[in-house]
Each structure stands twice: as structure tokens, then as C-alpha cells.
Amino acid sequence: MHSIKLVSEELIPSKVVCVGRNYTAHIAELNNETPDQMVLFNKPNSAITNTLLAAHNGDTLHYETELCFVIKDKKFIGVGLGLDLTKRTVQSKLKNKGLPWERAKAFDGSVILSDFVELTDAMKHFTFELKINNEVIQRGDTHFMLHNPDSILQEINEFMSLEDGDVVMTGTPSGVGEVTAKSIFAVALYANDQCLLEHQWKVSKN
């Protein structure tokens, strides 16, 4: 089983719960419709990886940077960042046929996560950014989410059991794109304009 780190503690998520279409600008860049209700899907523990690849089984991967939370007692206790890695071509074909997304979103190695820091009550407003090769590519802000973190947690808890250590990914802002070999991905997370964490991945050769 794959693990994540919250401060110095190793946790094993049973699953990663993801929110789709949570930023208007991202919905527009993919020519999607704004959904009437929250879009949710799962990634299994086997999707978690420490190695960022540009492709999986011959399919090109696209990055989506997301604000993430760790669960304990059905509440958020830690915060970090992650990349939801997507087979965009496969996903488009599945959507056109009205089929589930697992082949495009839940394959082995489809999520890579930073370490997590402890969440406090003072942390009300989060922003984050992704740089690729020192160029800012994505910026996220909880003020621009269609569903804020509290409402996401409430909605998930209404129909699904969240186990201790599970991760919730809250959706990506605009700026998604293709992962390219040898690139350096650097993410930074801020709460109330104070830097909480920085993390970096180098795209490995497949």
C-alpha cells in the first residue's frame, strides 16, 4: 500500500477522492459544461506514486495541480498539493461515449502528492501555484472555487465513508497541459499569504 506523509507521520490512504470542474476558467479551457452538482470521482491507493512520468502505457499524461486535504475522523487535518495526472485523449473518448473515467484518471501512478502540513483554524484562504521549468503555469485560489473545501467535505460525507488517511483533491484551475520529459515541476502552497510548503518533482524517463 502506498503512503503519504503528514508532518512526520506516515499515513496510508484507502482512496483519493477528487473533485472535477471546480474552477470556471478550467471548465472553459476544456469546453466543458458547468455541472448542476458537484463532480466527484475516486482514485485507488494504487494510483499514488512518487515518480512523475510523461506517459503511461504509451498514453501521454496531462497535469492538473490541486489543493489537497488529509482526513481524520471525517474532518480535514492536513493540507498539501498534488498533481491529478490524466490521459486526456482517453478521457475525451470516454466522455463522448458517456462512459466512466477510470481508465483516464485512476490508473497506476495517476496521482503524485507533496508532503502535508497540519491544518489549523487560522488557515482560511489558500492560494497555490505550479511552475514548470521556473515559469508560472497554474495559479489556484480558494476564492475562485465553485465549491469551497468545507462544502466539498460536507457533500462527500453525505454519501461516502472517508477513512483516516484518505485524501481529497479539490479540483484544478486553468493552465493544465501535457507533461514533458525532463521538466521540473515546482509547487508552492500559501495560507493567508504565508508560504506553507514547497515541493518539486522532476519528470522521469518512462
N, C-alpha and C. Protein backbone atom coordinates (compact mmCIF):
# COMPACT_ATOMS: atom_id res chain seq x y z
N MET A 1 0.84 -1.20 0.00
CA MET A 1 0.00 0.00 0.00
C MET A 1 0.88 1.25 0.00
N HIS A 2 0.47 2.25 -0.76
CA HIS A 2 1.24 3.48 -0.87
C HIS A 2 0.87 4.43 0.27
N SER A 3 1.85 5.20 0.73
CA SER A 3 1.64 6.08 1.87
C SER A 3 1.89 7.53 1.51
N ILE A 4 1.42 8.42 2.39
CA ILE A 4 1.68 9.85 2.30
C ILE A 4 2.27 10.29 3.63
N LYS A 5 2.78 11.51 3.68
CA LYS A 5 3.39 11.99 4.92
C LYS A 5 2.69 13.26 5.39
N LEU A 6 2.24 13.25 6.64
CA LEU A 6 1.70 14.42 7.32
C LEU A 6 2.66 14.79 8.43
N VAL A 7 3.40 15.87 8.23
CA VAL A 7 4.50 16.26 9.12
C VAL A 7 5.47 15.07 9.18
N SER A 8 5.57 14.38 10.31
CA SER A 8 6.50 13.23 10.40
C SER A 8 5.77 11.89 10.40
N GLU A 9 4.45 11.92 10.23
CA GLU A 9 3.64 10.71 10.32
C GLU A 9 3.35 10.14 8.94
N GLU A 10 3.52 8.83 8.81
CA GLU A 10 3.18 8.14 7.57
C GLU A 10 1.73 7.67 7.64
N LEU A 11 0.95 8.01 6.63
CA LEU A 11 -0.45 7.62 6.57
C LEU A 11 -0.71 6.83 5.29
N ILE A 12 -1.64 5.90 5.35
CA ILE A 12 -1.97 5.09 4.18
C ILE A 12 -3.41 5.38 3.77
N PRO A 13 -3.62 6.14 2.70
CA PRO A 13 -4.98 6.42 2.24
C PRO A 13 -5.62 5.17 1.64
N SER A 14 -6.89 4.94 1.94
CA SER A 14 -7.60 3.87 1.25
C SER A 14 -8.00 4.32 -0.16
N LYS A 15 -8.10 5.64 -0.33
CA LYS A 15 -8.53 6.19 -1.62
C LYS A 15 -8.21 7.67 -1.67
N VAL A 16 -8.27 8.21 -2.88
CA VAL A 16 -8.17 9.65 -3.13
C VAL A 16 -9.48 10.07 -3.79
N VAL A 17 -10.21 10.98 -3.15
CA VAL A 17 -11.47 11.46 -3.69
C VAL A 17 -11.21 12.79 -4.40
N CYS A 18 -11.64 12.89 -5.64
CA CYS A 18 -11.31 14.04 -6.48
C CYS A 18 -12.57 14.80 -6.88
N VAL A 19 -12.43 16.13 -6.95
CA VAL A 19 -13.49 17.00 -7.43
C VAL A 19 -13.14 17.44 -8.84
N GLY A 20 -14.08 17.31 -9.76
CA GLY A 20 -13.88 17.78 -11.13
C GLY A 20 -14.64 19.06 -11.39
N ARG A 21 -14.15 19.84 -12.34
CA ARG A 21 -14.84 21.05 -12.80
C ARG A 21 -15.19 22.00 -11.65
N ASN A 22 -14.18 22.38 -10.89
CA ASN A 22 -14.41 23.24 -9.73
C ASN A 22 -13.92 24.67 -9.93
N TYR A 23 -13.34 24.97 -11.09
CA TYR A 23 -12.92 26.33 -11.43
C TYR A 23 -13.51 26.69 -12.79
N THR A 24 -14.18 27.82 -12.87
CA THR A 24 -14.86 28.22 -14.11
C THR A 24 -13.89 28.30 -15.28
N ALA A 25 -12.70 28.86 -15.05
CA ALA A 25 -11.74 29.03 -16.15
C ALA A 25 -11.26 27.69 -16.69
N HIS A 26 -11.12 26.70 -15.82
CA HIS A 26 -10.72 25.36 -16.28
C HIS A 26 -11.84 24.70 -17.06
N ILE A 27 -13.07 24.89 -16.62
CA ILE A 27 -14.22 24.35 -17.36
C ILE A 27 -14.21 24.91 -18.78
N ALA A 28 -13.94 26.22 -18.89
CA ALA A 28 -13.95 26.87 -20.20
C ALA A 28 -12.82 26.38 -21.09
N GLU A 29 -11.62 26.17 -20.52
CA GLU A 29 -10.48 25.80 -21.36
C GLU A 29 -10.64 24.41 -21.97
N LEU A 30 -11.45 23.56 -21.34
CA LEU A 30 -11.69 22.22 -21.89
C LEU A 30 -13.04 22.13 -22.59
N ASN A 31 -13.71 23.28 -22.73
CA ASN A 31 -15.01 23.32 -23.41
C ASN A 31 -16.03 22.39 -22.77
N ASN A 32 -16.02 22.34 -21.45
CA ASN A 32 -16.98 21.53 -20.72
C ASN A 32 -18.16 22.38 -20.26
N GLU A 33 -19.25 21.73 -19.94
CA GLU A 33 -20.40 22.41 -19.37
C GLU A 33 -20.23 22.52 -17.85
N THR A 34 -20.74 23.61 -17.27
CA THR A 34 -20.73 23.74 -15.82
C THR A 34 -21.77 22.78 -15.24
N PRO A 35 -21.36 21.88 -14.36
CA PRO A 35 -22.29 20.86 -13.86
C PRO A 35 -23.31 21.43 -12.88
N ASP A 36 -24.47 20.77 -12.81
CA ASP A 36 -25.51 21.18 -11.87
C ASP A 36 -25.17 20.78 -10.44
N GLN A 37 -24.38 19.74 -10.27
CA GLN A 37 -23.97 19.32 -8.94
C GLN A 37 -22.48 18.97 -8.96
N MET A 38 -21.93 18.81 -7.78
CA MET A 38 -20.50 18.56 -7.65
C MET A 38 -20.10 17.28 -8.38
N VAL A 39 -19.02 17.35 -9.16
CA VAL A 39 -18.49 16.19 -9.87
C VAL A 39 -17.44 15.53 -8.98
N LEU A 40 -17.64 14.25 -8.64
CA LEU A 40 -16.73 13.53 -7.76
C LEU A 40 -16.34 12.20 -8.39
N PHE A 41 -15.09 11.83 -8.22
CA PHE A 41 -14.62 10.51 -8.66
C PHE A 41 -13.48 10.09 -7.76
N ASN A 42 -13.16 8.79 -7.77
CA ASN A 42 -12.15 8.24 -6.88
C ASN A 42 -10.93 7.72 -7.63
N LYS A 43 -9.80 7.79 -6.97
CA LYS A 43 -8.60 7.08 -7.38
C LYS A 43 -8.25 6.10 -6.26
N PRO A 44 -7.85 4.86 -6.59
CA PRO A 44 -7.49 3.90 -5.55
C PRO A 44 -6.10 4.20 -4.98
N ASN A 45 -5.78 3.52 -3.88
CA ASN A 45 -4.45 3.68 -3.29
C ASN A 45 -3.35 3.38 -4.30
N SER A 46 -3.59 2.43 -5.19
CA SER A 46 -2.58 2.05 -6.19
C SER A 46 -2.27 3.16 -7.18
N ALA A 47 -3.10 4.21 -7.22
CA ALA A 47 -2.84 5.34 -8.11
C ALA A 47 -1.73 6.25 -7.60
N ILE A 48 -1.43 6.17 -6.30
CA ILE A 48 -0.46 7.08 -5.68
C ILE A 48 0.96 6.68 -6.08
N THR A 49 1.77 7.67 -6.43
CA THR A 49 3.14 7.41 -6.85
C THR A 49 4.06 8.52 -6.33
N ASN A 50 5.35 8.23 -6.30
CA ASN A 50 6.36 9.25 -6.01
C ASN A 50 7.14 9.63 -7.26
N THR A 51 6.80 9.02 -8.39
CA THR A 51 7.54 9.23 -9.63
C THR A 51 6.65 9.88 -10.67
N LEU A 52 7.06 11.03 -11.15
CA LEU A 52 6.30 11.76 -12.16
C LEU A 52 6.77 11.34 -13.54
N LEU A 53 5.85 10.77 -14.31
CA LEU A 53 6.15 10.30 -15.66
C LEU A 53 5.40 11.14 -16.69
N ALA A 54 5.89 11.12 -17.92
CA ALA A 54 5.25 11.86 -19.01
C ALA A 54 4.21 11.01 -19.73
N ALA A 55 4.25 9.70 -19.55
CA ALA A 55 3.32 8.81 -20.24
C ALA A 55 3.09 7.56 -19.42
N HIS A 56 1.99 6.87 -19.71
CA HIS A 56 1.67 5.60 -19.06
C HIS A 56 1.12 4.65 -20.11
N ASN A 57 1.80 3.53 -20.28
CA ASN A 57 1.39 2.54 -21.29
C ASN A 57 1.17 3.17 -22.67
N GLY A 58 2.06 4.11 -23.00
CA GLY A 58 2.00 4.73 -24.32
C GLY A 58 1.09 5.92 -24.43
N ASP A 59 0.32 6.23 -23.39
CA ASP A 59 -0.59 7.37 -23.41
C ASP A 59 0.06 8.59 -22.75
N THR A 60 0.02 9.72 -23.43
CA THR A 60 0.55 10.97 -22.88
C THR A 60 -0.26 11.39 -21.66
N LEU A 61 0.43 11.93 -20.65
CA LEU A 61 -0.22 12.39 -19.43
C LEU A 61 -0.30 13.91 -19.40
N HIS A 62 -1.39 14.41 -18.84
CA HIS A 62 -1.56 15.84 -18.60
C HIS A 62 -1.60 16.08 -17.10
N TYR A 63 -1.05 17.21 -16.67
CA TYR A 63 -1.01 17.58 -15.26
C TYR A 63 -2.21 18.46 -14.90
N GLU A 64 -2.68 18.32 -13.67
CA GLU A 64 -3.69 19.20 -13.09
C GLU A 64 -3.28 19.43 -11.63
N THR A 65 -2.87 20.64 -11.29
CA THR A 65 -2.41 20.94 -9.93
C THR A 65 -3.61 21.22 -9.03
N GLU A 66 -3.60 20.62 -7.84
CA GLU A 66 -4.78 20.73 -6.99
C GLU A 66 -4.42 20.89 -5.51
N LEU A 67 -5.22 21.67 -4.81
CA LEU A 67 -5.18 21.76 -3.36
C LEU A 67 -5.75 20.47 -2.78
N CYS A 68 -5.04 19.89 -1.80
CA CYS A 68 -5.41 18.58 -1.27
C CYS A 68 -5.51 18.63 0.25
N PHE A 69 -6.37 17.77 0.79
CA PHE A 69 -6.53 17.67 2.24
C PHE A 69 -6.48 16.21 2.67
N VAL A 70 -5.99 15.99 3.89
CA VAL A 70 -5.95 14.66 4.51
C VAL A 70 -7.07 14.57 5.55
N ILE A 71 -7.66 13.39 5.63
CA ILE A 71 -8.81 13.15 6.50
C ILE A 71 -8.42 12.42 7.79
N LYS A 72 -9.05 12.82 8.89
CA LYS A 72 -9.06 12.04 10.12
C LYS A 72 -10.38 12.33 10.83
N ASP A 73 -11.05 11.28 11.28
CA ASP A 73 -12.36 11.43 11.94
C ASP A 73 -13.32 12.23 11.08
N LYS A 74 -13.26 11.99 9.76
CA LYS A 74 -14.15 12.61 8.78
C LYS A 74 -13.97 14.13 8.66
N LYS A 75 -12.83 14.62 9.13
CA LYS A 75 -12.52 16.05 9.05
C LYS A 75 -11.17 16.24 8.36
N PHE A 76 -10.94 17.44 7.85
CA PHE A 76 -9.64 17.79 7.28
C PHE A 76 -8.66 18.08 8.42
N ILE A 77 -7.50 17.41 8.39
CA ILE A 77 -6.49 17.67 9.42
C ILE A 77 -5.15 18.12 8.84
N GLY A 78 -4.98 17.95 7.53
CA GLY A 78 -3.72 18.33 6.89
C GLY A 78 -3.99 18.86 5.50
N VAL A 79 -3.05 19.67 5.00
CA VAL A 79 -3.21 20.29 3.69
C VAL A 79 -1.91 20.18 2.91
N GLY A 80 -2.03 20.00 1.61
CA GLY A 80 -0.87 19.90 0.73
C GLY A 80 -1.28 20.15 -0.70
N LEU A 81 -0.43 19.75 -1.63
CA LEU A 81 -0.71 19.91 -3.05
C LEU A 81 -0.47 18.59 -3.77
N GLY A 82 -1.10 18.44 -4.91
CA GLY A 82 -0.91 17.24 -5.70
C GLY A 82 -1.16 17.48 -7.16
N LEU A 83 -0.72 16.53 -7.97
CA LEU A 83 -0.99 16.54 -9.40
C LEU A 83 -1.93 15.39 -9.72
N ASP A 84 -3.09 15.73 -10.25
CA ASP A 84 -4.01 14.74 -10.82
C ASP A 84 -3.55 14.52 -12.25
N LEU A 85 -2.98 13.35 -12.52
CA LEU A 85 -2.44 13.05 -13.85
C LEU A 85 -3.50 12.34 -14.68
N THR A 86 -3.69 12.83 -15.89
CA THR A 86 -4.85 12.45 -16.69
C THR A 86 -4.43 12.06 -18.10
N LYS A 87 -5.02 10.98 -18.59
CA LYS A 87 -4.87 10.63 -20.01
C LYS A 87 -5.97 11.38 -20.77
N ARG A 88 -5.64 12.59 -21.25
CA ARG A 88 -6.67 13.49 -21.77
C ARG A 88 -7.36 12.92 -23.01
N THR A 89 -6.59 12.31 -23.90
CA THR A 89 -7.20 11.74 -25.11
C THR A 89 -8.16 10.62 -24.75
N VAL A 90 -7.74 9.77 -23.84
CA VAL A 90 -8.59 8.67 -23.38
C VAL A 90 -9.84 9.22 -22.70
N GLN A 91 -9.65 10.23 -21.85
CA GLN A 91 -10.79 10.83 -21.14
C GLN A 91 -11.81 11.40 -22.12
N SER A 92 -11.35 12.10 -23.14
CA SER A 92 -12.26 12.70 -24.12
C SER A 92 -13.10 11.63 -24.82
N LYS A 93 -12.46 10.52 -25.17
CA LYS A 93 -13.19 9.43 -25.83
C LYS A 93 -14.23 8.83 -24.89
N LEU A 94 -13.86 8.67 -23.62
CA LEU A 94 -14.80 8.11 -22.65
C LEU A 94 -15.98 9.05 -22.43
N LYS A 95 -15.69 10.35 -22.30
CA LYS A 95 -16.77 11.32 -22.10
C LYS A 95 -17.74 11.33 -23.27
N ASN A 96 -17.20 11.27 -24.47
CA ASN A 96 -18.05 11.30 -25.67
C ASN A 96 -18.99 10.10 -25.73
N LYS A 97 -18.56 8.99 -25.13
CA LYS A 97 -19.38 7.78 -25.13
C LYS A 97 -20.22 7.64 -23.85
N GLY A 98 -20.09 8.62 -22.95
CA GLY A 98 -20.83 8.57 -21.70
C GLY A 98 -20.35 7.49 -20.76
N LEU A 99 -19.07 7.14 -20.85
CA LEU A 99 -18.50 6.07 -20.04
C LEU A 99 -17.72 6.62 -18.85
N PRO A 100 -17.51 5.81 -17.80
CA PRO A 100 -16.73 6.24 -16.63
C PRO A 100 -15.29 6.60 -17.02
N TRP A 101 -14.61 7.32 -16.12
CA TRP A 101 -13.29 7.89 -16.41
C TRP A 101 -12.12 7.08 -15.87
N GLU A 102 -12.36 5.94 -15.23
CA GLU A 102 -11.27 5.26 -14.52
C GLU A 102 -10.04 5.01 -15.39
N ARG A 103 -10.24 4.64 -16.63
CA ARG A 103 -9.09 4.35 -17.50
C ARG A 103 -8.24 5.60 -17.74
N ALA A 104 -8.83 6.77 -17.61
CA ALA A 104 -8.12 8.03 -17.84
C ALA A 104 -7.64 8.70 -16.56
N LYS A 105 -8.21 8.30 -15.42
CA LYS A 105 -7.95 9.03 -14.17
C LYS A 105 -7.45 8.16 -13.02
N ALA A 106 -7.68 6.85 -13.07
CA ALA A 106 -7.42 6.01 -11.90
C ALA A 106 -6.37 4.94 -12.14
N PHE A 107 -5.57 5.09 -13.18
CA PHE A 107 -4.52 4.12 -13.48
C PHE A 107 -3.38 4.22 -12.46
N ASP A 108 -2.54 3.21 -12.42
CA ASP A 108 -1.39 3.23 -11.51
C ASP A 108 -0.51 4.45 -11.81
N GLY A 109 -0.17 5.20 -10.76
CA GLY A 109 0.69 6.37 -10.95
C GLY A 109 -0.04 7.61 -11.41
N SER A 110 -1.35 7.68 -11.19
CA SER A 110 -2.13 8.82 -11.69
C SER A 110 -2.27 9.96 -10.69
N VAL A 111 -1.64 9.84 -9.53
CA VAL A 111 -1.65 10.96 -8.59
C VAL A 111 -0.31 11.00 -7.85
N ILE A 112 0.25 12.19 -7.78
CA ILE A 112 1.50 12.40 -7.06
C ILE A 112 1.28 13.55 -6.08
N LEU A 113 1.71 13.37 -4.84
CA LEU A 113 1.36 14.29 -3.76
C LEU A 113 2.60 14.83 -3.06
N SER A 114 2.51 16.09 -2.64
CA SER A 114 3.54 16.66 -1.77
C SER A 114 3.39 16.07 -0.37
N ASP A 115 4.31 16.40 0.51
CA ASP A 115 4.07 16.17 1.93
C ASP A 115 2.93 17.09 2.37
N PHE A 116 2.32 16.76 3.49
CA PHE A 116 1.22 17.56 4.03
C PHE A 116 1.65 18.24 5.32
N VAL A 117 1.08 19.41 5.57
CA VAL A 117 1.31 20.13 6.82
C VAL A 117 0.02 20.14 7.62
N GLU A 118 0.15 20.33 8.92
CA GLU A 118 -1.02 20.32 9.80
C GLU A 118 -1.92 21.51 9.50
N LEU A 119 -3.21 21.25 9.42
CA LEU A 119 -4.20 22.29 9.16
C LEU A 119 -4.62 22.92 10.48
N THR A 120 -4.70 24.25 10.51
CA THR A 120 -5.13 24.97 11.70
C THR A 120 -6.37 25.81 11.38
N ASP A 121 -7.08 26.22 12.42
CA ASP A 121 -8.29 27.03 12.25
C ASP A 121 -7.98 28.38 11.63
N ALA A 122 -6.75 28.86 11.79
CA ALA A 122 -6.38 30.17 11.25
C ALA A 122 -6.21 30.16 9.74
N MET A 123 -6.08 28.97 9.16
CA MET A 123 -5.88 28.86 7.71
C MET A 123 -7.24 28.92 7.02
N LYS A 124 -7.62 30.09 6.54
CA LYS A 124 -8.94 30.29 5.93
C LYS A 124 -8.87 30.42 4.41
N HIS A 125 -7.81 31.02 3.91
CA HIS A 125 -7.72 31.34 2.48
C HIS A 125 -6.45 30.73 1.91
N PHE A 126 -6.59 29.87 0.91
CA PHE A 126 -5.44 29.19 0.32
C PHE A 126 -5.23 29.64 -1.12
N THR A 127 -3.97 29.81 -1.48
CA THR A 127 -3.57 30.01 -2.87
C THR A 127 -2.41 29.07 -3.15
N PHE A 128 -2.22 28.76 -4.43
CA PHE A 128 -1.11 27.88 -4.79
C PHE A 128 -0.70 28.15 -6.22
N GLU A 129 0.49 27.67 -6.56
CA GLU A 129 0.96 27.85 -7.93
C GLU A 129 1.81 26.65 -8.35
N LEU A 130 1.84 26.45 -9.66
CA LEU A 130 2.72 25.47 -10.28
C LEU A 130 3.66 26.19 -11.21
N LYS A 131 4.95 25.92 -11.06
CA LYS A 131 5.95 26.38 -12.02
C LYS A 131 6.51 25.16 -12.75
N ILE A 132 6.65 25.28 -14.06
CA ILE A 132 7.33 24.26 -14.84
C ILE A 132 8.55 24.90 -15.45
N ASN A 133 9.72 24.38 -15.10
CA ASN A 133 10.99 24.95 -15.56
C ASN A 133 11.06 26.45 -15.26
N ASN A 134 10.66 26.80 -14.03
CA ASN A 134 10.72 28.17 -13.48
C ASN A 134 9.71 29.14 -14.08
N GLU A 135 8.77 28.67 -14.86
CA GLU A 135 7.71 29.52 -15.41
C GLU A 135 6.38 29.19 -14.74
N VAL A 136 5.70 30.22 -14.22
CA VAL A 136 4.41 30.00 -13.58
C VAL A 136 3.38 29.58 -14.63
N ILE A 137 2.79 28.40 -14.41
CA ILE A 137 1.86 27.82 -15.37
C ILE A 137 0.43 27.80 -14.83
N GLN A 138 0.28 27.51 -13.55
CA GLN A 138 -1.04 27.46 -12.93
C GLN A 138 -1.04 28.24 -11.62
N ARG A 139 -2.15 28.93 -11.38
CA ARG A 139 -2.39 29.59 -10.09
C ARG A 139 -3.80 29.22 -9.62
N GLY A 140 -3.90 28.82 -8.37
CA GLY A 140 -5.19 28.47 -7.81
C GLY A 140 -5.50 29.30 -6.59
N ASP A 141 -6.79 29.48 -6.30
CA ASP A 141 -7.23 30.35 -5.20
C ASP A 141 -8.59 29.82 -4.74
N THR A 142 -8.72 29.55 -3.46
CA THR A 142 -9.99 29.02 -2.96
C THR A 142 -11.15 29.99 -3.17
N HIS A 143 -10.86 31.28 -3.33
CA HIS A 143 -11.93 32.25 -3.59
C HIS A 143 -12.60 32.01 -4.94
N PHE A 144 -11.90 31.33 -5.86
CA PHE A 144 -12.44 31.12 -7.21
C PHE A 144 -12.99 29.71 -7.42
N MET A 145 -13.07 28.93 -6.35
CA MET A 145 -13.67 27.60 -6.46
C MET A 145 -15.18 27.72 -6.54
N LEU A 146 -15.81 26.88 -7.34
CA LEU A 146 -17.27 26.80 -7.34
C LEU A 146 -17.77 26.17 -6.04
N HIS A 147 -17.01 25.22 -5.51
CA HIS A 147 -17.33 24.56 -4.25
C HIS A 147 -16.12 24.69 -3.34
N ASN A 148 -16.29 25.36 -2.20
CA ASN A 148 -15.16 25.56 -1.31
C ASN A 148 -14.86 24.28 -0.53
N PRO A 149 -13.70 24.21 0.12
CA PRO A 149 -13.33 22.96 0.81
C PRO A 149 -14.35 22.46 1.81
N ASP A 150 -14.97 23.35 2.58
CA ASP A 150 -15.96 22.91 3.57
C ASP A 150 -17.17 22.26 2.90
N SER A 151 -17.63 22.85 1.81
CA SER A 151 -18.80 22.27 1.13
C SER A 151 -18.44 20.95 0.45
N ILE A 152 -17.20 20.83 -0.02
CA ILE A 152 -16.75 19.57 -0.61
C ILE A 152 -16.77 18.46 0.43
N LEU A 153 -16.22 18.75 1.61
CA LEU A 153 -16.20 17.75 2.68
C LEU A 153 -17.61 17.34 3.08
N GLN A 154 -18.49 18.32 3.21
CA GLN A 154 -19.87 18.03 3.59
C GLN A 154 -20.55 17.13 2.56
N GLU A 155 -20.36 17.44 1.29
CA GLU A 155 -21.00 16.66 0.22
C GLU A 155 -20.50 15.22 0.20
N ILE A 156 -19.18 15.04 0.33
CA ILE A 156 -18.63 13.68 0.31
C ILE A 156 -19.16 12.87 1.49
N ASN A 157 -19.17 13.49 2.67
CA ASN A 157 -19.61 12.78 3.87
C ASN A 157 -21.08 12.37 3.82
N GLU A 158 -21.86 12.99 2.95
CA GLU A 158 -23.27 12.66 2.85
C GLU A 158 -23.52 11.28 2.23
N PHE A 159 -22.55 10.79 1.42
CA PHE A 159 -22.83 9.53 0.73
C PHE A 159 -21.67 8.55 0.71
N MET A 160 -20.51 8.94 1.23
CA MET A 160 -19.33 8.08 1.15
C MET A 160 -18.57 8.13 2.47
N SER A 161 -18.08 6.98 2.92
CA SER A 161 -17.28 6.93 4.14
C SER A 161 -15.85 7.34 3.84
N LEU A 162 -15.38 8.35 4.53
CA LEU A 162 -13.99 8.78 4.44
C LEU A 162 -13.22 8.16 5.58
N GLU A 163 -12.17 7.41 5.24
CA GLU A 163 -11.35 6.73 6.23
C GLU A 163 -10.18 7.63 6.63
N ASP A 164 -9.65 7.40 7.83
CA ASP A 164 -8.48 8.14 8.27
C ASP A 164 -7.34 7.95 7.26
N GLY A 165 -6.72 9.05 6.85
CA GLY A 165 -5.63 9.00 5.89
C GLY A 165 -6.06 9.23 4.46
N ASP A 166 -7.37 9.17 4.18
CA ASP A 166 -7.84 9.44 2.82
C ASP A 166 -7.49 10.87 2.42
N VAL A 167 -7.35 11.07 1.11
CA VAL A 167 -7.00 12.39 0.56
C VAL A 167 -8.16 12.89 -0.28
N VAL A 168 -8.45 14.18 -0.16
CA VAL A 168 -9.44 14.85 -1.01
C VAL A 168 -8.72 15.88 -1.86
N MET A 169 -8.86 15.76 -3.19
CA MET A 169 -8.30 16.72 -4.13
C MET A 169 -9.44 17.61 -4.62
N THR A 170 -9.24 18.93 -4.61
CA THR A 170 -10.36 19.87 -4.72
C THR A 170 -10.54 20.49 -6.10
N GLY A 171 -9.87 19.97 -7.11
CA GLY A 171 -10.05 20.49 -8.46
C GLY A 171 -8.92 21.39 -8.90
N THR A 172 -8.79 21.54 -10.21
CA THR A 172 -7.66 22.29 -10.78
C THR A 172 -8.11 23.59 -11.41
N PRO A 173 -7.29 24.63 -11.30
CA PRO A 173 -7.55 25.87 -12.05
C PRO A 173 -7.14 25.70 -13.51
N SER A 174 -7.27 26.76 -14.28
CA SER A 174 -6.87 26.71 -15.69
C SER A 174 -5.35 26.60 -15.81
N GLY A 175 -4.90 26.23 -17.00
CA GLY A 175 -3.47 26.11 -17.26
C GLY A 175 -2.98 24.69 -17.35
N VAL A 176 -3.90 23.73 -17.40
CA VAL A 176 -3.49 22.33 -17.50
C VAL A 176 -2.80 22.08 -18.83
N GLY A 177 -1.98 21.04 -18.88
CA GLY A 177 -1.26 20.76 -20.11
C GLY A 177 -0.51 19.45 -20.05
N GLU A 178 0.27 19.21 -21.06
CA GLU A 178 0.98 17.94 -21.22
C GLU A 178 2.25 17.90 -20.39
N VAL A 179 2.49 16.77 -19.74
CA VAL A 179 3.75 16.54 -19.03
C VAL A 179 4.83 16.20 -20.05
N THR A 180 5.94 16.90 -19.99
CA THR A 180 7.03 16.64 -20.93
C THR A 180 8.26 16.13 -20.20
N ALA A 181 8.98 15.25 -20.84
CA ALA A 181 10.13 14.59 -20.23
C ALA A 181 11.18 15.59 -19.77
N LYS A 182 11.79 15.30 -18.63
CA LYS A 182 12.89 16.05 -18.04
C LYS A 182 12.50 17.41 -17.48
N SER A 183 11.22 17.77 -17.53
CA SER A 183 10.78 19.05 -16.97
C SER A 183 10.85 19.01 -15.44
N ILE A 184 10.99 20.19 -14.84
CA ILE A 184 10.97 20.35 -13.39
C ILE A 184 9.64 20.98 -13.00
N PHE A 185 8.87 20.27 -12.19
CA PHE A 185 7.60 20.76 -11.67
C PHE A 185 7.82 21.22 -10.23
N ALA A 186 7.49 22.47 -9.94
CA ALA A 186 7.65 23.01 -8.59
C ALA A 186 6.33 23.64 -8.15
N VAL A 187 5.83 23.21 -7.00
CA VAL A 187 4.57 23.73 -6.48
C VAL A 187 4.82 24.46 -5.17
N ALA A 188 3.97 25.45 -4.89
CA ALA A 188 4.05 26.20 -3.64
C ALA A 188 2.63 26.46 -3.15
N LEU A 189 2.44 26.32 -1.84
CA LEU A 189 1.12 26.50 -1.21
C LEU A 189 1.21 27.61 -0.17
N TYR A 190 0.19 28.47 -0.19
CA TYR A 190 0.14 29.61 0.73
C TYR A 190 -1.20 29.61 1.47
N ALA A 191 -1.15 29.97 2.75
CA ALA A 191 -2.36 30.20 3.55
C ALA A 191 -2.28 31.61 4.10
N ASN A 192 -3.29 32.41 3.81
CA ASN A 192 -3.30 33.81 4.25
C ASN A 192 -2.00 34.50 3.85
N ASP A 193 -1.53 34.20 2.63
CA ASP A 193 -0.34 34.80 2.02
C ASP A 193 0.97 34.37 2.66
N GLN A 194 0.94 33.39 3.55
CA GLN A 194 2.16 32.85 4.15
C GLN A 194 2.46 31.49 3.51
N CYS A 195 3.71 31.28 3.11
CA CYS A 195 4.08 30.03 2.46
C CYS A 195 4.05 28.87 3.46
N LEU A 196 3.27 27.85 3.12
CA LEU A 196 3.17 26.66 3.97
C LEU A 196 4.14 25.57 3.55
N LEU A 197 4.29 25.41 2.24
CA LEU A 197 5.17 24.35 1.75
C LEU A 197 5.56 24.61 0.30
N GLU A 198 6.68 24.02 -0.06
CA GLU A 198 7.13 23.99 -1.45
C GLU A 198 7.58 22.56 -1.75
N HIS A 199 7.35 22.13 -2.96
CA HIS A 199 7.71 20.75 -3.33
C HIS A 199 8.10 20.74 -4.81
N GLN A 200 8.96 19.80 -5.16
CA GLN A 200 9.46 19.75 -6.54
C GLN A 200 9.55 18.30 -7.01
N TRP A 201 9.20 18.10 -8.29
CA TRP A 201 9.36 16.80 -8.94
C TRP A 201 10.05 17.01 -10.28
N LYS A 202 10.91 16.08 -10.63
CA LYS A 202 11.49 16.07 -11.97
C LYS A 202 10.86 14.92 -12.74
N VAL A 203 10.43 15.22 -13.96
CA VAL A 203 9.79 14.19 -14.78
C VAL A 203 10.84 13.14 -15.14
N SER A 204 10.54 11.90 -14.79
CA SER A 204 11.47 10.80 -15.04
C SER A 204 11.29 10.25 -16.44
N LYS A 205 12.32 9.58 -16.91
CA LYS A 205 12.20 8.86 -18.17
C LYS A 205 11.28 7.67 -17.96
N ASN A 206 10.43 7.39 -18.94
CA ASN A 206 9.50 6.26 -18.82
C ASN A 206 10.27 4.94 -18.91
